[in-house]
Amino acid sequence: MDSLPPPLAFVVLLFGGWVNRQQHAVIDYLLEENRVLRAAHGLVRYVVFFVMKLKTRRVAMAGITHQPDETWMAQIARNLTAAGDGFLHGIRHVILDRDPLYTAAFRRLLRDCGVTPLVLPARSPNLNAFAERFVESVKCECLDRLVLLGEEHLRTAVREFVRHYHDERPHQGLGNELIAPQTTVIGTGQTMCCERLGGLLKFYYREARSGMGRVFAQDDVGVVDAFREKASATARGPRTFTM
C-alpha cells in the first residue's frame, strides 16, 4: 500500500467474493484516501464498510472510520445481525475475504446469530464480481469526480450515491430495472431531471400529463398494470374500461 499515489480521492478495492443468488450476502469494504485540508492530519485514509445482498443487489453502508479495529468490527457485526432491522437478519451465509479485520471474534458473532461465514480462497477477486462492480461504480461515477474535504463530505457523497444506486440507476443484471424504485411514473409529458451532488448523479423521467399519466407507489403493481392496459386500449380505439 506504500506505493499508492497520493490523489485527493482514491478508492482501493481490497478483496473479492463469491457469486450466489439465494440467501447469501457479501461483506466488503473500500479504502478512501483524501487529503484533509489540515496540516496536522495530512493524508487521512478511511474505511468504507458495506454489505451487499447478492440476489437483489441491495447495499447497506455498515460504517465509515479512519481507525478500524476489532472493537469497531464487533459492533458492526452486532448491528448487521440485530433482530428485526439488521441487514443480515435472516441471511444464512456471508462471504468474507481473508483480510485480518475479519477476526475470530467477528466471525463468531456472525455464527452466534445464524450467519455462516464463507472465507474465500486467496487471490480470487473474480469470485466477488458484484462487490467489485459496486466499488468500481462508486469510484468512477462519484468519488473519482470529487475533491473530498473530510469525513462528513465522504459520508454525504457515499450516502447520496447509495440512494441513487437503489432508486434511480438501472442495472443490467436485473433486466435494466431499478433495485428499489420509490415511484413508478407513467406518462408522456416533459422529460424531467433529478440531480444529486450538484448534478454529478442524474436521473431522467417523464412527467405525467393530466389524463395520460399517473404516479403510483411501488406496491401498486396491479394498479399500474391496469393503467397500462387502459392506455393500450385507448391507443387502439374506443373501448369500455373501468378502474
Protein backbone atom coordinates (compact mmCIF):
# COMPACT_ATOMS: atom_id res chain seq x y z
CA MET A 1 0.00 0.00 0.00
CA ASP A 2 3.03 2.31 0.43
CA SER A 3 3.41 2.56 -3.34
CA LEU A 4 0.00 4.12 -3.85
CA PRO A 5 -0.01 7.59 -5.41
CA PRO A 6 -1.39 10.42 -3.25
CA PRO A 7 -4.50 11.64 -5.10
CA LEU A 8 -7.15 13.68 -3.34
CA ALA A 9 -9.77 10.98 -3.83
CA PHE A 10 -8.59 7.45 -4.36
CA VAL A 11 -10.53 4.21 -3.88
CA VAL A 12 -8.92 0.82 -3.46
CA LEU A 13 -10.79 -2.47 -3.64
CA LEU A 14 -9.09 -4.79 -1.20
CA PHE A 15 -10.64 -8.14 -1.85
CA GLY A 16 -13.15 -10.25 -3.75
CA GLY A 17 -16.08 -12.52 -3.14
CA TRP A 18 -18.28 -15.27 -4.50
CA VAL A 19 -21.50 -15.30 -6.51
CA ASN A 20 -24.66 -16.95 -5.24
CA ARG A 21 -28.17 -15.65 -5.85
CA GLN A 22 -30.02 -17.12 -2.89
CA GLN A 23 -29.82 -16.21 0.81
CA HIS A 24 -26.26 -15.01 0.72
CA ALA A 25 -24.57 -11.68 1.18
CA VAL A 26 -21.08 -10.35 0.69
CA ILE A 27 -19.18 -8.14 3.09
CA ASP A 28 -16.60 -5.87 1.56
CA TYR A 29 -15.03 -2.52 2.10
CA LEU A 30 -13.10 0.07 0.19
CA LEU A 31 -10.42 2.46 1.26
CA GLU A 32 -10.96 6.12 0.56
CA GLU A 33 -7.91 8.33 0.80
CA ASN A 34 -8.44 12.06 0.88
CA ARG A 35 -6.11 14.88 1.81
CA VAL A 36 -7.92 16.81 4.50
CA LEU A 37 -7.03 20.48 4.37
CA ARG A 38 -5.43 20.46 7.79
CA ALA A 39 -1.65 20.31 8.09
CA ALA A 40 -1.85 18.47 11.40
CA HIS A 41 -3.56 15.46 9.81
CA GLY A 42 -2.23 15.35 6.25
CA LEU A 43 -3.38 12.29 4.33
CA VAL A 44 -6.32 10.54 6.02
CA ARG A 45 -7.40 7.06 4.97
CA TYR A 46 -11.00 5.96 5.59
CA VAL A 47 -12.51 2.50 5.53
CA VAL A 48 -16.00 2.43 3.99
CA PHE A 49 -17.58 -0.87 5.07
CA PHE A 50 -20.53 -2.13 3.04
CA VAL A 51 -22.66 -5.26 2.69
CA MET A 52 -24.49 -6.40 -0.44
CA LYS A 53 -27.32 -8.90 -0.83
CA LEU A 54 -26.39 -10.75 -3.99
CA LYS A 55 -29.90 -11.70 -5.06
CA THR A 56 -31.31 -8.16 -5.03
CA ARG A 57 -28.04 -6.13 -5.27
CA ARG A 58 -29.24 -4.04 -2.33
CA VAL A 59 -26.34 -2.39 -0.49
CA ALA A 60 -26.04 -1.21 3.10
CA MET A 61 -23.27 1.04 4.37
CA ALA A 62 -22.29 -0.54 7.67
CA GLY A 63 -19.78 2.06 8.78
CA ILE A 64 -17.09 4.59 7.90
CA THR A 65 -13.99 5.13 10.03
CA HIS A 66 -10.32 6.02 9.75
CA GLN A 67 -9.39 3.78 12.70
CA PRO A 68 -10.84 0.29 12.13
CA ASP A 69 -10.11 -2.17 14.94
CA GLU A 70 -11.54 -5.32 16.49
CA THR A 71 -13.95 -3.40 18.73
CA TRP A 72 -15.36 -1.45 15.77
CA MET A 73 -15.72 -4.64 13.72
CA ALA A 74 -17.52 -6.38 16.59
CA GLN A 75 -20.04 -3.54 16.78
CA ILE A 76 -20.52 -3.73 13.01
CA ALA A 77 -21.32 -7.45 13.35
CA ARG A 78 -23.88 -6.74 16.10
CA ASN A 79 -25.56 -4.02 14.04
CA LEU A 80 -25.76 -6.18 10.92
CA THR A 81 -27.27 -9.18 12.73
CA ALA A 82 -29.64 -7.30 15.04
CA ALA A 83 -33.06 -8.93 15.25
CA GLY A 84 -35.68 -7.15 13.19
CA ASP A 85 -33.70 -4.44 11.43
CA GLY A 86 -30.24 -5.96 10.94
CA PHE A 87 -29.24 -6.07 7.28
CA LEU A 88 -28.03 -9.68 7.66
CA HIS A 89 -31.02 -10.80 9.74
CA GLY A 90 -32.36 -13.95 8.07
CA ILE A 91 -29.30 -14.37 5.84
CA ARG A 92 -27.72 -17.84 6.08
CA HIS A 93 -24.28 -17.23 4.59
CA VAL A 94 -21.94 -14.29 4.24
CA ILE A 95 -18.84 -14.11 2.05
CA LEU A 96 -15.60 -12.88 3.60
CA ASP A 97 -12.11 -12.26 2.34
CA ARG A 98 -9.00 -13.21 4.26
CA ASP A 99 -8.44 -9.67 5.46
CA PRO A 100 -7.20 -9.53 9.09
CA LEU A 101 -10.09 -7.20 10.02
CA TYR A 102 -12.33 -10.28 9.93
CA THR A 103 -11.12 -11.57 13.27
CA ALA A 104 -12.18 -14.75 15.01
CA ALA A 105 -14.42 -12.68 17.30
CA PHE A 106 -16.12 -11.06 14.30
CA ARG A 107 -16.80 -14.44 12.69
CA ARG A 108 -18.00 -15.89 15.99
CA LEU A 109 -20.54 -13.09 16.40
CA LEU A 110 -21.90 -13.87 12.94
CA ARG A 111 -22.15 -17.60 13.69
CA ASP A 112 -23.92 -16.96 17.00
CA CYS A 113 -26.65 -15.17 15.02
CA GLY A 114 -27.04 -17.98 12.49
CA VAL A 115 -24.91 -16.45 9.72
CA THR A 116 -22.19 -18.79 8.41
CA PRO A 117 -19.03 -17.02 7.17
CA LEU A 118 -17.63 -18.36 3.90
CA VAL A 119 -13.95 -17.48 3.57
CA LEU A 120 -12.70 -17.09 0.02
CA PRO A 121 -9.55 -18.60 -1.42
CA ALA A 122 -6.53 -16.36 -1.60
CA ARG A 123 -6.17 -14.09 -4.64
CA SER A 124 -9.63 -14.73 -6.07
CA PRO A 125 -11.14 -11.33 -6.99
CA ASN A 126 -13.17 -12.97 -9.78
CA LEU A 127 -15.25 -14.70 -7.10
CA ASN A 128 -16.66 -11.40 -5.87
CA ALA A 129 -17.86 -9.85 -9.11
CA PHE A 130 -20.85 -7.95 -7.70
CA ALA A 131 -18.92 -6.31 -4.87
CA GLU A 132 -16.06 -5.38 -7.19
CA ARG A 133 -18.50 -3.88 -9.67
CA PHE A 134 -20.15 -1.81 -6.95
CA VAL A 135 -16.79 -0.40 -5.85
CA GLU A 136 -15.91 0.37 -9.45
CA SER A 137 -19.25 2.15 -9.87
CA VAL A 138 -18.94 4.31 -6.76
CA LYS A 139 -15.37 5.12 -7.70
CA CYS A 140 -15.90 6.00 -11.37
CA GLU A 141 -19.32 7.64 -11.09
CA CYS A 142 -18.85 9.53 -7.84
CA LEU A 143 -15.69 9.58 -5.70
CA ASP A 144 -13.15 9.97 -8.50
CA ARG A 145 -15.00 13.12 -9.57
CA LEU A 146 -14.93 14.81 -6.17
CA VAL A 147 -12.29 16.51 -4.05
CA LEU A 148 -13.29 15.21 -0.63
CA LEU A 149 -12.67 17.64 2.21
CA GLY A 150 -13.23 15.39 5.20
CA GLU A 151 -15.22 12.55 6.74
CA GLU A 152 -18.59 14.32 6.63
CA HIS A 153 -18.08 15.12 2.96
CA LEU A 154 -17.24 11.45 2.29
CA ARG A 155 -20.30 10.26 4.21
CA THR A 156 -22.58 12.60 2.26
CA ALA A 157 -21.14 11.52 -1.10
CA VAL A 158 -21.45 7.81 -0.31
CA ARG A 159 -24.96 8.20 1.11
CA GLU A 160 -26.21 10.06 -1.96
CA PHE A 161 -24.62 7.54 -4.31
CA VAL A 162 -26.26 4.61 -2.49
CA ARG A 163 -29.67 6.31 -2.79
CA HIS A 164 -29.04 6.89 -6.48
CA TYR A 165 -27.81 3.28 -6.85
CA HIS A 166 -31.01 1.90 -5.30
CA ASP A 167 -33.71 4.29 -6.51
CA GLU A 168 -32.57 5.74 -9.84
CA ARG A 169 -29.82 3.72 -11.52
CA PRO A 170 -30.87 0.89 -13.90
CA HIS A 171 -28.96 -2.40 -13.51
CA GLN A 172 -28.27 -4.65 -16.48
CA GLY A 173 -28.05 -7.72 -14.24
CA LEU A 174 -31.65 -7.06 -13.16
CA GLY A 175 -33.01 -6.56 -16.67
CA ASN A 176 -32.34 -2.80 -16.59
CA GLU A 177 -34.74 -2.45 -13.68
CA LEU A 178 -34.23 -0.32 -10.57
CA ILE A 179 -33.36 -2.02 -7.29
CA ALA A 180 -35.86 -0.12 -5.15
CA PRO A 181 -37.85 2.46 -7.14
CA GLN A 182 -39.79 4.84 -4.93
CA THR A 183 -42.46 5.53 -7.55
CA THR A 184 -43.48 4.36 -10.99
CA VAL A 185 -44.18 7.22 -13.39
CA ILE A 186 -46.35 6.50 -16.42
CA GLY A 187 -46.72 9.45 -18.74
CA THR A 188 -45.66 11.16 -21.93
CA GLY A 189 -45.03 14.61 -20.54
CA GLN A 190 -41.88 16.68 -20.43
CA THR A 191 -38.62 14.92 -19.63
CA MET A 192 -37.53 15.87 -16.12
CA CYS A 193 -34.16 15.53 -14.41
CA CYS A 194 -33.49 14.71 -10.77
CA GLU A 195 -29.97 15.65 -9.61
CA ARG A 196 -27.78 14.65 -6.69
CA LEU A 197 -24.43 16.04 -5.54
CA GLY A 198 -24.83 19.20 -7.59
CA GLY A 199 -25.67 17.38 -10.82
CA LEU A 200 -22.95 14.72 -10.61
CA LEU A 201 -25.61 11.99 -10.41
CA LYS A 202 -28.67 12.39 -12.61
CA PHE A 203 -31.93 10.52 -13.14
CA TYR A 204 -34.32 11.29 -16.02
CA TYR A 205 -38.03 10.56 -16.11
CA ARG A 206 -41.16 11.74 -17.95
CA GLU A 207 -43.62 13.96 -16.17
CA ALA A 208 -47.16 12.61 -16.12
CA ARG A 209 -49.71 14.58 -18.14
CA SER A 210 -53.27 15.08 -16.96
CA GLY A 211 -55.39 12.16 -18.17
CA MET A 212 -52.39 10.41 -19.74
CA GLY A 213 -50.13 9.60 -16.82
CA ARG A 214 -50.19 8.97 -13.11
CA VAL A 215 -47.69 8.33 -10.34
CA PHE A 216 -48.15 5.12 -8.33
CA ALA A 217 -46.49 3.85 -5.21
CA GLN A 218 -44.16 0.90 -5.62
CA ASP A 219 -46.63 -1.57 -4.10
CA ASP A 220 -49.45 -0.66 -6.52
CA VAL A 221 -48.30 -3.15 -9.15
CA GLY A 222 -51.83 -4.24 -10.03
CA VAL A 223 -52.98 -0.67 -10.48
CA VAL A 224 -50.01 0.05 -12.73
CA ASP A 225 -50.77 -2.98 -14.90
CA ALA A 226 -54.43 -1.95 -15.14
CA PHE A 227 -53.48 1.57 -16.16
CA ARG A 228 -51.12 0.26 -18.84
CA GLU A 229 -53.95 -1.89 -20.21
CA LYS A 230 -56.23 1.13 -20.27
CA ALA A 231 -53.63 3.21 -22.10
CA SER A 232 -53.16 0.44 -24.66
CA ALA A 233 -56.89 0.18 -25.18
CA THR A 234 -57.14 3.94 -25.68
CA ALA A 235 -54.50 3.79 -28.38
CA ARG A 236 -56.45 1.07 -30.24
CA GLY A 237 -59.72 2.96 -30.17
CA PRO A 238 -62.88 3.45 -28.09
CA ARG A 239 -63.44 0.68 -25.58
CA THR A 240 -65.20 0.43 -22.25
CA PHE A 241 -62.76 0.19 -19.32
CA THR A 242 -63.40 0.65 -15.65
CA MET A 243 -60.72 1.28 -12.96
